[in-house]
Amino acid sequence: MSVHTFSSRNFTRDVGAAKRAAADGPVFITDRGRPAFALLKIEDYYQLAGHQEASLLDVMDALPGDAADFEFEAPRLEVEFRSVELG
């Protein structure tokens, strides 16, 4: 893992380069030569913060009150099949 540094000006000019560099390790973004921000892959952030990426079940469980108690019936898709003549 390597650490990369971008000035604010270079970061603004080429965000894509900073994102590609973040794949190798943290990217420090400097203002007037001093580190001001850090850019990390989301997986690295979750690891540092001690969080795991939320699953769909976690999101549904986090819905407030009765929001999780609703009826949902998906509409049926009506498809008509036809024979195909080749030749």
Protein backbone atom coordinates (compact mmCIF):
# COMPACT_ATOMS: atom_id res chain seq x y z
CA MET A 1 0.00 0.00 0.00
CA SER A 2 1.42 3.34 -1.01
CA VAL A 3 0.42 6.86 -0.02
CA HIS A 4 -0.15 9.46 -2.73
CA THR A 5 -0.37 13.23 -2.40
CA PHE A 6 -2.28 15.63 -4.63
CA SER A 7 -2.43 19.39 -4.30
CA SER A 8 -5.95 20.82 -4.25
CA ARG A 9 -5.34 22.24 -7.70
CA ASN A 10 -4.18 18.91 -9.18
CA PHE A 11 -7.03 17.07 -7.47
CA THR A 12 -9.55 19.47 -9.01
CA ARG A 13 -7.99 19.12 -12.45
CA ASP A 14 -7.93 15.31 -12.44
CA VAL A 15 -10.24 13.66 -9.91
CA GLY A 16 -10.03 10.42 -11.90
CA ALA A 17 -6.27 10.18 -11.30
CA ALA A 18 -6.83 10.63 -7.57
CA LYS A 19 -9.48 7.89 -7.57
CA ARG A 20 -7.14 5.53 -9.42
CA ALA A 21 -4.35 6.34 -6.94
CA ALA A 22 -6.74 5.61 -4.03
CA ALA A 23 -6.98 2.04 -5.31
CA ASP A 24 -3.34 1.60 -4.15
CA GLY A 25 -3.71 3.36 -0.81
CA PRO A 26 -4.77 6.62 0.82
CA VAL A 27 -4.54 9.87 -1.10
CA PHE A 28 -3.75 13.04 0.81
CA ILE A 29 -5.08 16.25 -0.69
CA THR A 30 -3.11 19.29 0.38
CA ASP A 31 -3.96 22.96 0.78
CA ARG A 32 -0.90 25.20 0.67
CA GLY A 33 1.36 22.21 1.16
CA ARG A 34 -0.39 20.86 4.26
CA PRO A 35 -2.61 17.76 4.29
CA ALA A 36 -6.25 18.85 4.45
CA PHE A 37 -8.24 15.82 3.27
CA ALA A 38 -7.82 12.10 2.75
CA LEU A 39 -9.38 10.03 -0.03
CA LEU A 40 -9.91 6.31 0.68
CA LYS A 41 -11.60 3.35 -0.95
CA ILE A 42 -14.92 2.79 0.79
CA GLU A 43 -13.77 -0.65 1.98
CA ASP A 44 -10.76 0.95 3.67
CA TYR A 45 -12.99 3.54 5.31
CA TYR A 46 -15.36 0.89 6.64
CA GLN A 47 -12.40 -1.06 8.02
CA LEU A 48 -10.98 2.04 9.76
CA ALA A 49 -14.38 3.05 11.12
CA GLY A 50 -15.18 -0.48 12.28
CA HIS A 51 -18.30 -0.63 10.11
CA GLN A 52 -19.44 -3.16 7.61
CA GLU A 53 -21.29 -2.34 4.43
CA ALA A 54 -25.02 -2.45 5.15
CA SER A 55 -26.95 -5.34 3.65
CA LEU A 56 -30.48 -4.99 2.30
CA LEU A 57 -31.75 -6.72 5.44
CA ASP A 58 -29.94 -4.15 7.62
CA VAL A 59 -31.52 -1.32 5.65
CA MET A 60 -35.00 -2.84 5.92
CA ASP A 61 -34.56 -3.41 9.66
CA ALA A 62 -33.57 0.23 10.09
CA LEU A 63 -36.86 1.55 8.66
CA PRO A 64 -38.73 3.52 11.33
CA GLY A 65 -41.81 2.13 13.08
CA ASP A 66 -44.49 0.66 10.86
CA ALA A 67 -42.64 1.41 7.63
CA ALA A 68 -41.44 -2.19 7.46
CA ASP A 69 -45.02 -3.51 7.85
CA PHE A 70 -46.51 -2.92 4.44
CA GLU A 71 -48.07 -5.10 1.81
CA PHE A 72 -46.47 -5.33 -1.58
CA GLU A 73 -47.64 -7.34 -4.50
CA ALA A 74 -45.49 -7.19 -7.60
CA PRO A 75 -47.45 -6.74 -10.82
CA ARG A 76 -47.60 -9.76 -13.10
CA LEU A 77 -45.87 -9.49 -16.41
CA GLU A 78 -48.05 -10.76 -19.22
CA VAL A 79 -45.99 -12.19 -22.06
CA GLU A 80 -47.29 -13.57 -25.33
CA PHE A 81 -45.16 -16.17 -27.05
CA ARG A 82 -45.31 -16.58 -30.81
CA SER A 83 -43.75 -19.19 -33.05
CA VAL A 84 -40.94 -18.08 -35.31
CA GLU A 85 -40.46 -19.21 -38.86
CA LEU A 86 -36.86 -19.41 -40.00
CA GLY A 87 -35.92 -19.69 -43.58
